[in-house]
Structures are given as structure tokens and as C-alpha cells.
Amino acid sequence: MDYVNPYDVIEDVAVAGTKKTLLSAKHILIKGALSGVFLGYATTLAYTGATQTGLDVIGALMFPTGFAMILLLNLELVTGSFAMIPIALFRKQIQIPAMLRNFFWAFSGNLLGSLFYAVLFYVYITKMGHLNVADSALAQKIIAVSQSKTIEYKAMGLDGGITMFVKALLCNWMVTMGAVMAFTSKSTIGKIAAMWIPVFIFFAHGFEHAVVNMFVIPTGMMLGADVTWSDWWLWNQIPVTIGNFLSGCLFTGWALHWITQKK
């Protein structure tokens, strides 16, 4: 049997979290950039499936492909680290500065990779600016999503901000569960199946994921979405990242650490 019991799972996660803090800044940055690119690929794949079938749930079933690539290659996805590294912290294997250092470089790498893929995708989807984006269902989907993630919240004021923050909490609870679930199996197919479940759940609900938004929102802006840089960062990226951290750290990291710690 390749199943790993929960107590051993969290011990393994703590060890993995510790190892993440020992990586050089260069390694974290490059691994983070690759994660940003792969998650961008998964996002456009999901939106392609959704627009071609008219069913968003089909896109949600396809999206975890990118997450599986990231976890199997042991790359750096800051939102997954929001649970894995705090577990190492709670078990006194690392210190807070080491955790924050990883978060900074992983976030920076995720952002750079997401923007790099965004530029390449823009070239493809517009044929170097020769295609009218109004004729592309995929481009219109990305524009609509980027606007729904920013100016729709802004128009609602405080209520919009609360809604966005709650969606960020709900999102990374599942994303970090996906990162942890990958440790419940020793086989490749078992890891993929286990991590697929919570990631599918988050994407199907349309929750707010900081790294996905690093690609979707700027891509929508390049395609003509009525979104400004301040809309992106103040009405999504910053509060969503904070919400993702809190849910990953507390709802997944602290909770799983507490129920599996040796008495």
C-alpha cells in the first residue's frame, strides 16, 4: 500500500517546509517563476475548456494539471508554502525570518513567471496585435474574469472587499490541502489523484488565488479590460495574498499540526 497516514504526512510536510527555507534565493526565484508559468498554462487551458464547452466545471477539472506539475517537480508556489512552511515553524524546525525570506522570493518568482507567460499568451491570442480580441471567446473570458476580480469588488466598496477576502480564505484552504494531500501517497498517480481533489474544488467555485490572479488580471489588462494597476493591487492582489496566507497558515497549517502533534 502506498498510503501514508496523517501523522507521517505532517511530519513529511514539516521536513519539506524546512528544506524550502534552506534554498538559495536564486533557486527559489527560478522555481517560483516556473510555477507562475505552469499555473498560467493551466489557467488558459481551463478557460479554453470552459469556453469551448460552455461549462466552467470542465475547466475546473482541467486546471489541476498545472498544480500537479508544480508539486511533482517540487517547485515553489507561494500559496502552497503558506501552509507547508508554517507547519515547520509550529514544530520549531525553522524561525520566522527564514519563512518570510522564502515567501518573498517565491512570491517574486511567481509574479515574474506569471507576467512572462502573460506576455507570451498575449502575442499568441492577438497574433501580435492583428486579431481583434472581440472575435476571441477566450480573450473575452479573460477580460470578463479580470474585471470581475477587481472593479466589481471596487464598485461594492466594503462589501466587495469583504467578499473578496472571504473568497481568498476559502481558496487557499483548498490549495494548501492539495499541497498536503500530495504527501498522502508514495506513488506518482496517487499523489496526482490526491492533490487533484481540493484544487478542483477551489477552481470550480471561482475563489481568489493570488498566483492565478498574477496572470489573469494583467493579461486581461493587456487585452483591454477596464482595470488599472491600482485596481489590480489594491482591489485584489494585496488583500487576496493576505487572505491566502491566513487560511493556509491557520486553517490548514496550524490545524493539521495541532491534531497530529505527539502528545
Protein backbone atom coordinates (compact mmCIF):
# COMPACT_ATOMS: atom_id res chain seq x y z
CA MET A 1 0.00 0.00 0.00
CA ASP A 2 1.32 3.44 -0.88
CA TYR A 3 -0.98 5.31 1.53
CA VAL A 4 0.77 7.43 4.18
CA ASN A 5 -1.03 8.02 7.49
CA PRO A 6 -1.80 11.62 8.54
CA TYR A 7 0.79 11.73 11.35
CA ASP A 8 3.60 10.81 8.97
CA VAL A 9 2.17 13.12 6.31
CA ILE A 10 2.51 16.20 8.51
CA GLU A 11 5.99 15.15 9.62
CA ASP A 12 6.99 14.89 5.95
CA VAL A 13 5.38 18.26 5.20
CA ALA A 14 7.35 19.86 8.04
CA VAL A 15 10.60 18.44 6.66
CA ALA A 16 9.71 19.68 3.16
CA GLY A 17 8.84 23.10 4.56
CA THR A 18 12.19 23.28 6.32
CA LYS A 19 14.05 22.35 3.13
CA LYS A 20 12.25 25.16 1.28
CA THR A 21 13.73 27.74 3.66
CA LEU A 22 17.26 26.42 3.03
CA LEU A 23 17.16 27.02 -0.72
CA SER A 24 19.17 29.89 -2.17
CA ALA A 25 17.28 32.98 -3.31
CA LYS A 26 18.20 32.15 -6.91
CA HIS A 27 16.72 28.66 -6.67
CA ILE A 28 13.51 29.92 -5.07
CA LEU A 29 13.18 32.66 -7.70
CA ILE A 30 13.65 30.33 -10.67
CA LYS A 31 11.44 27.59 -9.21
CA GLY A 32 8.85 30.25 -8.40
CA ALA A 33 8.95 31.63 -11.94
CA LEU A 34 8.39 28.15 -13.39
CA SER A 35 5.40 27.72 -11.09
CA GLY A 36 3.94 31.02 -12.29
CA VAL A 37 4.31 29.92 -15.91
CA PHE A 38 2.82 26.46 -15.35
CA LEU A 39 -0.14 27.85 -13.42
CA GLY A 40 -0.69 30.33 -16.26
CA TYR A 41 -0.75 27.44 -18.73
CA ALA A 42 -3.27 25.61 -16.54
CA THR A 43 -5.46 28.70 -16.30
CA THR A 44 -5.64 29.27 -20.05
CA LEU A 45 -6.24 25.56 -20.55
CA ALA A 46 -9.13 25.71 -18.08
CA TYR A 47 -10.64 28.78 -19.76
CA THR A 48 -10.22 27.14 -23.17
CA GLY A 49 -12.15 24.11 -21.97
CA ALA A 50 -14.82 26.30 -20.40
CA THR A 51 -15.34 28.46 -23.48
CA GLN A 52 -15.35 25.52 -25.91
CA THR A 53 -17.89 23.51 -23.90
CA GLY A 54 -19.84 26.31 -22.25
CA LEU A 55 -19.29 24.54 -18.92
CA ASP A 56 -16.99 26.14 -16.34
CA VAL A 57 -16.84 22.86 -14.43
CA ILE A 58 -14.94 21.31 -17.36
CA GLY A 59 -12.31 24.00 -16.98
CA ALA A 60 -12.14 23.30 -13.26
CA LEU A 61 -11.48 19.62 -13.95
CA MET A 62 -8.60 20.58 -16.26
CA PHE A 63 -6.97 23.25 -14.08
CA PRO A 64 -5.19 20.92 -11.57
CA THR A 65 -2.82 19.78 -14.35
CA GLY A 66 -0.58 22.76 -13.65
CA PHE A 67 -0.71 22.23 -9.90
CA ALA A 68 0.28 18.59 -10.35
CA MET A 69 3.32 19.61 -12.44
CA ILE A 70 4.40 22.08 -9.77
CA LEU A 71 4.08 19.63 -6.87
CA LEU A 72 5.66 16.68 -8.65
CA LEU A 73 8.67 18.80 -9.66
CA ASN A 74 8.91 20.26 -6.15
CA LEU A 75 8.78 23.83 -7.42
CA GLU A 76 7.94 26.94 -5.39
CA LEU A 77 4.30 28.04 -5.26
CA VAL A 78 3.97 30.64 -2.54
CA THR A 79 0.35 29.80 -1.78
CA GLY A 80 1.21 26.16 -1.11
CA SER A 81 4.14 27.24 1.05
CA PHE A 82 1.71 29.32 3.13
CA ALA A 83 0.84 26.04 4.92
CA MET A 84 3.92 23.87 4.46
CA ILE A 85 6.46 26.28 5.93
CA PRO A 86 4.28 27.37 8.90
CA ILE A 87 3.94 23.70 9.86
CA ALA A 88 7.75 23.58 10.10
CA LEU A 89 7.57 26.79 12.15
CA PHE A 90 4.95 25.41 14.52
CA ARG A 91 7.18 22.36 15.06
CA LYS A 92 10.11 24.66 15.89
CA GLN A 93 12.19 23.48 12.94
CA ILE A 94 12.63 26.98 11.48
CA GLN A 95 12.42 30.64 12.50
CA ILE A 96 10.10 33.38 11.21
CA PRO A 97 12.79 35.26 9.19
CA ALA A 98 13.55 32.10 7.21
CA MET A 99 9.84 31.67 6.46
CA LEU A 100 9.42 35.28 5.31
CA ARG A 101 12.54 35.05 3.14
CA ASN A 102 11.07 32.10 1.23
CA PHE A 103 7.71 33.83 0.88
CA PHE A 104 9.33 36.96 -0.56
CA TRP A 105 11.37 35.18 -3.21
CA ALA A 106 8.63 32.67 -4.07
CA PHE A 107 6.07 35.48 -4.47
CA SER A 108 8.52 37.44 -6.64
CA GLY A 109 9.26 34.38 -8.79
CA ASN A 110 5.57 33.51 -9.16
CA LEU A 111 4.87 37.09 -10.26
CA LEU A 112 7.71 37.18 -12.80
CA GLY A 113 6.71 33.83 -14.28
CA SER A 114 3.05 34.80 -14.47
CA LEU A 115 3.85 38.07 -16.24
CA PHE A 116 6.25 36.33 -18.64
CA TYR A 117 3.57 33.84 -19.65
CA ALA A 118 1.03 36.68 -19.86
CA VAL A 119 3.15 38.48 -22.46
CA LEU A 120 3.68 35.31 -24.50
CA PHE A 121 -0.02 34.45 -24.30
CA TYR A 122 -0.96 37.97 -25.43
CA VAL A 123 1.24 37.54 -28.51
CA TYR A 124 -0.46 34.23 -29.27
CA ILE A 125 -4.08 35.23 -28.61
CA THR A 126 -3.86 38.51 -30.57
CA LYS A 127 -1.50 37.26 -33.29
CA MET A 128 0.90 40.09 -32.47
CA GLY A 129 -1.96 42.57 -32.27
CA HIS A 130 -3.50 41.63 -35.65
CA LEU A 131 -6.54 39.87 -34.18
CA ASN A 132 -9.45 41.82 -32.74
CA VAL A 133 -9.94 40.42 -29.24
CA ALA A 134 -13.69 40.89 -29.67
CA ASP A 135 -13.55 37.92 -32.04
CA SER A 136 -11.96 35.62 -29.46
CA ALA A 137 -14.18 33.93 -26.89
CA LEU A 138 -11.11 33.03 -24.84
CA ALA A 139 -9.87 36.64 -24.76
CA GLN A 140 -13.32 37.87 -23.77
CA LYS A 141 -13.42 35.28 -20.98
CA ILE A 142 -10.12 36.53 -19.56
CA ILE A 143 -11.24 40.17 -19.80
CA ALA A 144 -14.50 39.37 -18.01
CA VAL A 145 -12.72 37.40 -15.27
CA SER A 146 -10.12 40.11 -14.69
CA GLN A 147 -12.85 42.74 -14.33
CA SER A 148 -14.93 40.56 -12.02
CA LYS A 149 -11.87 40.11 -9.80
CA THR A 150 -11.23 43.85 -9.41
CA ILE A 151 -13.66 46.57 -10.45
CA GLU A 152 -16.73 44.57 -9.47
CA TYR A 153 -15.42 44.37 -5.91
CA LYS A 154 -14.43 48.04 -6.03
CA ALA A 155 -17.94 49.04 -7.08
CA MET A 156 -19.34 47.28 -4.00
CA GLY A 157 -16.97 49.10 -1.63
CA LEU A 158 -16.55 47.48 1.79
CA ASP A 159 -18.94 44.65 0.96
CA GLY A 160 -16.88 43.86 -2.12
CA GLY A 161 -13.68 43.89 -0.12
CA ILE A 162 -15.11 41.50 2.48
CA THR A 163 -16.43 39.19 -0.23
CA MET A 164 -13.05 39.11 -1.96
CA PHE A 165 -11.22 38.43 1.30
CA VAL A 166 -13.54 35.56 2.23
CA LYS A 167 -13.08 34.06 -1.24
CA ALA A 168 -9.31 34.28 -0.71
CA LEU A 169 -9.63 32.46 2.61
CA LEU A 170 -11.78 29.73 1.08
CA CYS A 171 -9.47 29.39 -1.90
CA ASN A 172 -6.19 28.72 -0.17
CA TRP A 173 -7.75 26.42 2.39
CA MET A 174 -8.24 24.04 -0.53
CA VAL A 175 -5.00 24.88 -2.36
CA THR A 176 -2.91 24.15 0.72
CA MET A 177 -4.90 20.98 1.30
CA GLY A 178 -3.85 20.00 -2.20
CA ALA A 179 -0.20 20.60 -1.31
CA VAL A 180 -0.57 18.48 1.83
CA MET A 181 -2.62 15.74 0.13
CA ALA A 182 0.27 15.14 -2.28
CA PHE A 183 2.13 13.66 0.70
CA THR A 184 -0.59 11.08 1.42
CA SER A 185 0.70 8.75 -1.29
CA LYS A 186 4.11 7.40 -2.31
CA SER A 187 3.12 6.75 -5.94
CA THR A 188 3.01 9.36 -8.68
CA ILE A 189 -0.55 8.56 -9.72
CA GLY A 190 -1.65 8.54 -6.09
CA LYS A 191 -0.13 11.97 -5.48
CA ILE A 192 -1.83 13.38 -8.58
CA ALA A 193 -5.23 11.96 -7.65
CA ALA A 194 -4.99 13.20 -4.05
CA MET A 195 -3.95 16.76 -4.90
CA TRP A 196 -6.45 16.98 -7.77
CA ILE A 197 -9.49 16.85 -5.47
CA PRO A 198 -9.11 20.06 -3.40
CA VAL A 199 -7.66 22.07 -6.30
CA PHE A 200 -10.64 21.15 -8.47
CA ILE A 201 -12.93 22.24 -5.63
CA PHE A 202 -11.35 25.70 -5.33
CA PHE A 203 -11.28 26.45 -9.05
CA ALA A 204 -14.84 25.22 -9.64
CA HIS A 205 -16.08 27.71 -7.03
CA GLY A 206 -14.27 30.65 -8.62
CA PHE A 207 -12.41 31.57 -5.43
CA GLU A 208 -9.50 34.03 -5.28
CA HIS A 209 -5.98 32.64 -5.73
CA ALA A 210 -3.07 35.08 -5.59
CA VAL A 211 -0.87 33.37 -8.19
CA VAL A 212 -3.66 32.68 -10.69
CA ASN A 213 -4.57 36.37 -10.40
CA MET A 214 -0.96 37.36 -11.14
CA PHE A 215 -1.64 36.02 -14.63
CA VAL A 216 -5.34 36.61 -15.22
CA ILE A 217 -5.61 40.26 -14.21
CA PRO A 218 -2.59 41.70 -16.08
CA THR A 219 -3.46 39.58 -19.12
CA GLY A 220 -6.98 41.00 -19.06
CA MET A 221 -5.49 44.49 -18.80
CA MET A 222 -3.30 43.87 -21.87
CA LEU A 223 -6.35 42.61 -23.75
CA GLY A 224 -8.33 45.77 -22.94
CA ALA A 225 -10.03 45.16 -19.60
CA ASP A 226 -11.10 48.36 -17.83
CA VAL A 227 -8.73 47.67 -14.93
CA THR A 228 -5.94 49.92 -13.62
CA TRP A 229 -2.74 48.94 -11.81
CA SER A 230 -4.19 50.24 -8.55
CA ASP A 231 -7.37 48.22 -9.16
CA TRP A 232 -5.22 45.10 -9.58
CA TRP A 233 -3.11 45.55 -6.45
CA LEU A 234 -5.49 47.32 -4.05
CA TRP A 235 -8.69 45.52 -5.02
CA ASN A 236 -7.22 42.09 -5.47
CA GLN A 237 -3.55 41.15 -5.30
CA ILE A 238 -2.62 42.51 -1.86
CA PRO A 239 -5.77 41.56 0.10
CA VAL A 240 -6.05 38.21 -1.69
CA THR A 241 -2.44 37.34 -0.85
CA ILE A 242 -3.08 38.19 2.80
CA GLY A 243 -6.25 36.09 2.83
CA ASN A 244 -4.47 33.20 1.14
CA PHE A 245 -1.72 33.35 3.77
CA LEU A 246 -4.09 33.41 6.74
CA SER A 247 -6.15 30.44 5.59
CA GLY A 248 -3.12 28.42 4.57
CA CYS A 249 -1.25 29.16 7.78
CA LEU A 250 -4.15 28.75 10.21
CA PHE A 251 -6.90 26.65 8.65
CA THR A 252 -4.50 24.11 7.14
CA GLY A 253 -1.08 24.57 8.71
CA TRP A 254 -1.94 25.14 12.36
CA ALA A 255 -4.99 22.86 12.38
CA LEU A 256 -3.17 19.86 10.88
CA HIS A 257 -0.13 20.47 13.05
CA TRP A 258 -2.28 20.56 16.18
CA ILE A 259 -4.27 17.40 15.52
CA THR A 260 -1.18 15.36 14.59
CA GLN A 261 1.36 16.57 17.13
CA LYS A 262 2.66 13.97 19.55
CA LYS A 263 1.05 14.30 22.98
